[in-house]
Amino acid sequence: MPNFQSYNIVPTLPAALEPLREVSFNVWWTWEPSARRLFRHLDPELWNRTNHNPIRMLQLSRQARLEELATDKTFLRELKQVYDAFQKYLTRKDTYGKTGAGAAMQKPVAYFSAEFGFHESIPNYSGGLGILSGDHCKSASDLDLNFVAIGLLYRHGYFRQEIDKDGIQHAVSLNQNFHHLPIREVRRDDRALLVTVRILDRDVYARLWELHVGRVRLYLLDTDIPENKAEDRLITAELYGGDLEMRMRQEIVLGIGGVNALNALGIEPDVFHMNEGHSAFLGLERIRRLVAEKRLNFYTALQVAASANVFTTHTPVPAGN
């Protein structure tokens, strides 16, 4: 049987432009105007055609254009200014997290959300809940808080709305290539790091992707991998997609799988913040671990877990989640 493999053919980035790659893999550029201007100057037409996606721009740029910019003193000066600002942002010592009350946070806050909205080129959100999650991460980065975020990575994201000539809305499904996004697969011993979640009668596996939000790290779980059965690969297919059972499976992967991911990464949070109820299973998993590992009885474990859980609700009405 033939063995097929996929390859990504991309231009070679000249050494003088290498800082572009580093900046493009950190969504700091989404809230830094000078960085967005820099990428637009790279190729205004391509900037628009890629939906303002720097990763995709660098993959699609003409080699001749990159070579031209590598000797363009004006562009190189602009690149240096942006890169210096980026490095200063990441390394500054006068932040709230290092000088204020935030310095007392020895262990991180773990922030769980079903969606994160940073920019239109990363369609992993549907609306306000995701925008709030993204803003939480950006603010935590600006403050330099000890903060880590957990979510799901959806192959089809959330549908894109298009309006036809008659004013009728149509939902257009996406099919994301994750290599076009500013994320990197988390690997250990030269292999993808997988976490396991038990759902009904079988194990479901999820690989992890890391996204840099300034100083903050967001880890996204993805079940669309060969190790899973076909129906389990669909768990992270679409944000808010499927029936009630599929939504429950998503919430198990987010809540329990998210706690397992933190454990696999060696991260021990002091506080678990649930942005809406989609990650509520994390509370049950924390209780289970306290009983199994710390030998606490159920009611003591319940109190310990509850004391470190924070919950934000957005729809406090019966029609909400």
Protein backbone atom coordinates (compact mmCIF):
# COMPACT_ATOMS: atom_id res chain seq x y z
CA MET A 1 0.00 0.00 0.00
CA PRO A 2 1.50 3.41 -0.91
CA ASN A 3 2.73 5.58 1.93
CA PHE A 4 1.62 9.18 1.45
CA GLN A 5 3.05 12.10 3.39
CA SER A 6 2.19 15.79 3.48
CA TYR A 7 4.79 18.50 2.98
CA ASN A 8 4.65 22.25 3.47
CA ILE A 9 6.71 24.12 0.87
CA VAL A 10 7.67 27.55 2.15
CA PRO A 11 10.22 30.17 1.10
CA THR A 12 13.51 30.53 2.93
CA LEU A 13 13.50 33.46 5.31
CA PRO A 14 16.73 35.47 5.01
CA ALA A 15 18.70 35.76 8.25
CA ALA A 16 18.11 39.51 8.39
CA LEU A 17 14.35 38.88 8.53
CA GLU A 18 14.43 36.04 11.07
CA PRO A 19 12.94 38.26 13.84
CA LEU A 20 9.74 38.31 11.77
CA ARG A 21 9.23 34.62 12.49
CA GLU A 22 9.65 35.06 16.24
CA VAL A 23 7.21 37.96 16.38
CA SER A 24 4.67 36.14 14.18
CA PHE A 25 4.52 33.21 16.62
CA ASN A 26 3.47 35.45 19.51
CA VAL A 27 0.07 37.13 19.29
CA TRP A 28 1.57 40.16 21.02
CA TRP A 29 1.47 41.62 17.52
CA THR A 30 -2.36 41.64 17.63
CA TRP A 31 -2.39 44.45 20.19
CA GLU A 32 0.79 46.24 19.08
CA PRO A 33 0.04 48.66 16.20
CA SER A 34 3.67 48.98 15.09
CA ALA A 35 3.91 45.20 14.63
CA ARG A 36 0.75 45.10 12.52
CA ARG A 37 2.07 47.95 10.36
CA LEU A 38 5.31 46.03 9.88
CA PHE A 39 3.55 42.94 8.54
CA ARG A 40 1.34 45.07 6.32
CA HIS A 41 4.44 46.73 4.85
CA LEU A 42 5.81 43.28 4.04
CA ASP A 43 3.13 42.92 1.35
CA PRO A 44 -0.13 44.92 1.64
CA GLU A 45 -2.01 42.73 -0.86
CA LEU A 46 -0.91 39.50 0.82
CA TRP A 47 -1.73 40.95 4.24
CA ASN A 48 -5.35 41.34 3.15
CA ARG A 49 -5.51 38.06 1.23
CA THR A 50 -4.34 36.04 4.27
CA ASN A 51 -6.88 37.70 6.58
CA HIS A 52 -4.03 39.53 8.34
CA ASN A 53 -2.21 36.30 9.25
CA PRO A 54 1.59 36.80 9.60
CA ILE A 55 2.31 33.06 9.70
CA ARG A 56 0.54 32.49 6.40
CA MET A 57 2.15 35.61 4.93
CA LEU A 58 5.64 34.28 5.57
CA GLN A 59 4.64 30.95 4.01
CA LEU A 60 3.22 32.56 0.86
CA SER A 61 5.67 35.42 0.35
CA ARG A 62 7.69 35.41 -2.85
CA GLN A 63 11.35 34.57 -2.28
CA ALA A 64 12.34 37.57 -4.38
CA ARG A 65 10.29 39.88 -2.18
CA LEU A 66 11.92 38.53 0.98
CA GLU A 67 15.38 38.93 -0.51
CA GLU A 68 14.50 42.49 -1.50
CA LEU A 69 13.35 43.37 2.03
CA ALA A 70 16.47 41.80 3.54
CA THR A 71 18.46 44.65 1.98
CA ASP A 72 15.86 47.40 2.43
CA LYS A 73 17.31 49.71 5.09
CA THR A 74 13.98 51.36 5.82
CA PHE A 75 12.20 48.04 6.38
CA LEU A 76 15.10 46.65 8.43
CA ARG A 77 15.05 49.73 10.64
CA GLU A 78 11.30 49.29 11.19
CA LEU A 79 11.83 45.59 11.92
CA LYS A 80 14.51 46.38 14.50
CA GLN A 81 12.25 48.88 16.26
CA VAL A 82 9.40 46.36 16.48
CA TYR A 83 11.65 43.50 17.57
CA ASP A 84 13.36 45.65 20.22
CA ALA A 85 9.93 46.66 21.57
CA PHE A 86 8.89 43.00 21.61
CA GLN A 87 12.00 41.93 23.53
CA LYS A 88 11.63 44.83 25.96
CA TYR A 89 8.03 43.82 26.60
CA LEU A 90 9.00 40.21 27.36
CA THR A 91 11.95 41.01 29.62
CA ARG A 92 11.02 44.18 31.50
CA LYS A 93 11.35 43.96 35.30
CA ASP A 94 9.05 46.79 36.42
CA THR A 95 5.79 44.89 35.91
CA TYR A 96 3.02 44.37 38.45
CA GLY A 97 3.83 40.67 38.48
CA LYS A 98 7.39 41.36 39.59
CA THR A 99 6.97 44.42 41.81
CA GLY A 100 3.35 44.47 43.04
CA ALA A 101 1.09 42.01 44.79
CA GLY A 102 1.37 39.74 41.77
CA ALA A 103 4.91 38.88 42.84
CA ALA A 104 3.41 36.88 45.73
CA MET A 105 1.87 34.38 43.27
CA GLN A 106 4.27 31.47 43.54
CA LYS A 107 2.01 29.12 41.57
CA PRO A 108 -0.08 30.06 38.54
CA VAL A 109 -3.73 30.72 37.97
CA ALA A 110 -5.07 28.21 35.42
CA TYR A 111 -7.74 29.77 33.22
CA PHE A 112 -10.10 27.39 31.40
CA SER A 113 -12.37 28.43 28.55
CA ALA A 114 -14.09 26.71 25.62
CA GLU A 115 -13.06 29.52 23.27
CA PHE A 116 -10.34 32.14 22.96
CA GLY A 117 -10.56 35.15 20.67
CA PHE A 118 -7.31 36.96 19.90
CA HIS A 119 -7.65 37.91 16.24
CA GLU A 120 -9.79 37.12 13.21
CA SER A 121 -6.98 35.05 11.69
CA ILE A 122 -7.26 32.57 14.59
CA PRO A 123 -10.93 31.45 14.34
CA ASN A 124 -11.14 29.61 17.66
CA TYR A 125 -14.00 31.70 19.06
CA SER A 126 -17.61 32.65 18.33
CA GLY A 127 -18.23 35.86 20.23
CA GLY A 128 -18.04 37.69 23.53
CA LEU A 129 -17.04 34.74 25.68
CA GLY A 130 -13.99 34.11 23.52
CA ILE A 131 -13.07 37.78 23.29
CA LEU A 132 -13.18 38.03 27.08
CA SER A 133 -10.97 34.95 27.36
CA GLY A 134 -8.48 36.46 24.95
CA ASP A 135 -8.52 39.77 26.80
CA HIS A 136 -7.94 37.95 30.10
CA CYS A 137 -4.79 36.41 28.61
CA LYS A 138 -3.60 39.73 27.16
CA SER A 139 -4.19 41.55 30.46
CA ALA A 140 -2.44 38.80 32.43
CA SER A 141 0.50 39.17 30.05
CA ASP A 142 0.60 42.96 30.42
CA LEU A 143 0.52 42.59 34.21
CA ASP A 144 3.07 39.76 34.02
CA LEU A 145 0.92 37.51 36.21
CA ASN A 146 1.73 33.86 36.85
CA PHE A 147 -1.00 32.66 34.51
CA VAL A 148 -1.62 29.73 32.17
CA ALA A 149 -4.65 29.10 29.95
CA ILE A 150 -6.33 25.89 28.77
CA GLY A 151 -8.73 25.43 25.85
CA LEU A 152 -9.64 23.26 22.87
CA LEU A 153 -8.38 23.59 19.30
CA TYR A 154 -11.16 23.16 16.75
CA ARG A 155 -10.43 21.79 13.29
CA HIS A 156 -13.37 23.68 11.80
CA GLY A 157 -13.30 26.58 14.23
CA TYR A 158 -16.60 28.43 14.26
CA PHE A 159 -18.53 29.07 11.07
CA ARG A 160 -17.93 32.25 9.11
CA GLN A 161 -20.96 34.38 8.31
CA GLU A 162 -21.47 35.53 4.73
CA ILE A 163 -24.29 37.71 3.39
CA ASP A 164 -25.51 37.15 -0.16
CA LYS A 165 -26.89 39.77 -2.55
CA ASP A 166 -30.39 39.26 -1.12
CA GLY A 167 -29.26 39.94 2.43
CA ILE A 168 -29.52 36.29 3.48
CA GLN A 169 -26.92 34.98 5.95
CA HIS A 170 -25.05 31.78 5.12
CA ALA A 171 -22.83 29.77 7.46
CA VAL A 172 -19.54 28.80 5.82
CA SER A 173 -17.63 25.98 7.50
CA LEU A 174 -13.86 26.28 7.87
CA ASN A 175 -11.23 23.56 7.53
CA GLN A 176 -8.18 24.80 9.35
CA ASN A 177 -4.62 23.82 8.64
CA PHE A 178 -3.03 24.22 12.07
CA HIS A 179 0.34 24.87 10.45
CA HIS A 180 -1.09 28.17 9.23
CA LEU A 181 -1.65 29.33 12.83
CA PRO A 182 0.82 30.78 15.38
CA ILE A 183 0.87 27.54 17.38
CA ARG A 184 3.41 24.79 17.91
CA GLU A 185 2.85 21.18 18.86
CA VAL A 186 4.07 20.33 22.36
CA ARG A 187 6.62 17.53 22.09
CA ARG A 188 8.52 15.40 24.56
CA ASP A 189 11.33 12.99 23.69
CA ASP A 190 10.85 13.98 20.04
CA ARG A 191 7.22 12.81 20.09
CA ALA A 192 3.91 14.62 20.44
CA LEU A 193 2.90 14.89 24.09
CA LEU A 194 -0.49 13.18 24.50
CA VAL A 195 -2.88 13.29 27.44
CA THR A 196 -5.53 10.66 28.11
CA VAL A 197 -9.16 11.10 29.14
CA ARG A 198 -11.49 8.23 29.94
CA ILE A 199 -14.89 8.66 28.28
CA LEU A 200 -17.39 5.83 28.82
CA ASP A 201 -15.65 2.57 27.90
CA ARG A 202 -12.48 3.84 26.24
CA ASP A 203 -9.53 6.17 26.43
CA VAL A 204 -9.55 9.32 24.33
CA TYR A 205 -6.22 10.95 23.50
CA ALA A 206 -5.48 14.61 22.93
CA ARG A 207 -2.31 16.25 21.72
CA LEU A 208 -1.34 19.70 22.94
CA TRP A 209 -0.63 22.87 21.00
CA GLU A 210 1.06 25.89 22.57
CA LEU A 211 0.18 29.48 21.72
CA HIS A 212 2.20 32.41 23.08
CA VAL A 213 0.16 35.41 24.24
CA GLY A 214 2.87 37.86 25.18
CA ARG A 215 4.26 36.37 28.40
CA VAL A 216 1.33 33.96 28.83
CA ARG A 217 1.06 30.41 27.51
CA LEU A 218 -2.19 28.93 26.20
CA TYR A 219 -2.39 25.15 25.76
CA LEU A 220 -5.03 23.81 23.37
CA LEU A 221 -6.20 20.18 23.32
CA ASP A 222 -6.82 18.48 19.98
CA THR A 223 -8.41 15.01 19.60
CA ASP A 224 -8.17 14.89 15.79
CA ILE A 225 -5.27 12.41 15.82
CA PRO A 226 -4.79 8.84 14.49
CA GLU A 227 -4.68 7.36 18.00
CA ASN A 228 -8.43 7.99 18.40
CA LYS A 229 -11.48 6.29 16.94
CA ALA A 230 -13.21 8.25 14.18
CA GLU A 231 -16.03 9.47 16.45
CA ASP A 232 -13.55 10.68 19.06
CA ARG A 233 -11.53 12.61 16.49
CA LEU A 234 -14.68 14.70 15.99
CA ILE A 235 -14.76 15.89 19.62
CA THR A 236 -12.67 18.94 18.77
CA ALA A 237 -14.06 19.31 15.26
CA GLU A 238 -16.21 22.37 15.84
CA LEU A 239 -16.86 24.96 18.53
CA TYR A 240 -20.39 24.39 19.92
CA GLY A 241 -21.03 21.77 17.26
CA GLY A 242 -22.86 18.46 17.47
CA ASP A 243 -25.59 17.22 19.79
CA LEU A 244 -25.81 17.27 23.58
CA GLU A 245 -23.68 14.14 23.88
CA MET A 246 -20.92 15.68 21.76
CA ARG A 247 -21.01 18.85 23.85
CA MET A 248 -20.62 16.69 26.96
CA ARG A 249 -17.62 14.94 25.44
CA GLN A 250 -16.07 18.31 24.63
CA GLU A 251 -16.56 19.45 28.21
CA ILE A 252 -15.00 16.26 29.60
CA VAL A 253 -11.94 16.75 27.38
CA LEU A 254 -11.68 20.42 28.36
CA GLY A 255 -12.21 19.95 32.11
CA ILE A 256 -10.62 16.59 32.89
CA GLY A 257 -8.23 16.58 29.95
CA GLY A 258 -7.16 20.12 30.81
CA VAL A 259 -6.24 19.11 34.37
CA ASN A 260 -4.37 16.09 32.98
CA ALA A 261 -2.55 18.38 30.54
CA LEU A 262 -1.36 20.65 33.33
CA ASN A 263 -0.14 17.60 35.24
CA ALA A 264 1.72 16.29 32.18
CA LEU A 265 3.36 19.70 31.74
CA GLY A 266 4.43 19.79 35.39
CA ILE A 267 2.28 22.85 36.12
CA GLU A 268 0.65 23.00 39.58
CA PRO A 269 -1.85 25.88 39.77
CA ASP A 270 -3.03 27.39 43.03
CA VAL A 271 -6.25 28.68 41.44
CA PHE A 272 -8.50 27.23 38.72
CA HIS A 273 -10.64 29.82 36.94
CA MET A 274 -13.58 28.49 34.90
CA ASN A 275 -14.84 30.92 32.27
CA GLU A 276 -18.45 29.66 32.09
CA GLY A 277 -19.48 26.10 32.90
CA HIS A 278 -17.90 24.30 29.94
CA SER A 279 -14.91 23.21 32.05
CA ALA A 280 -16.90 22.24 35.17
CA PHE A 281 -15.58 18.67 35.06
CA LEU A 282 -12.24 20.03 36.24
CA GLY A 283 -13.77 20.29 39.72
CA LEU A 284 -14.63 16.59 39.75
CA GLU A 285 -11.17 15.65 38.47
CA ARG A 286 -9.51 17.73 41.16
CA ILE A 287 -11.62 16.06 43.84
CA ARG A 288 -10.74 12.63 42.44
CA ARG A 289 -7.04 13.44 42.51
CA LEU A 290 -7.19 14.77 46.07
CA VAL A 291 -8.88 11.56 47.22
CA ALA A 292 -6.56 9.26 45.25
CA GLU A 293 -3.25 11.09 45.76
CA LYS A 294 -3.65 13.00 49.03
CA ARG A 295 -5.83 10.39 50.76
CA LEU A 296 -8.48 12.96 51.68
CA ASN A 297 -12.06 11.88 52.22
CA PHE A 298 -14.61 13.09 49.70
CA TYR A 299 -16.03 15.97 51.74
CA THR A 300 -12.60 17.32 52.70
CA ALA A 301 -11.48 17.04 49.08
CA LEU A 302 -14.64 18.87 48.01
CA GLN A 303 -13.85 21.77 50.35
CA VAL A 304 -10.20 21.95 49.28
CA ALA A 305 -11.11 21.93 45.59
CA ALA A 306 -13.90 24.48 46.00
CA SER A 307 -11.65 26.88 47.90
CA ALA A 308 -9.35 27.18 44.87
CA ASN A 309 -12.00 27.34 42.15
CA VAL A 310 -13.19 30.59 40.56
CA PHE A 311 -16.20 30.76 38.24
CA THR A 312 -17.32 33.45 35.82
CA THR A 313 -20.82 33.30 34.35
CA HIS A 314 -22.03 35.29 31.36
CA THR A 315 -25.60 34.05 30.96
CA PRO A 316 -27.15 33.70 34.46
CA VAL A 317 -30.57 32.76 33.07
CA PRO A 318 -32.21 29.37 32.35
CA ALA A 319 -31.64 29.83 28.61
CA GLY A 320 -27.89 30.13 29.16
CA ASN A 321 -25.36 27.31 29.47
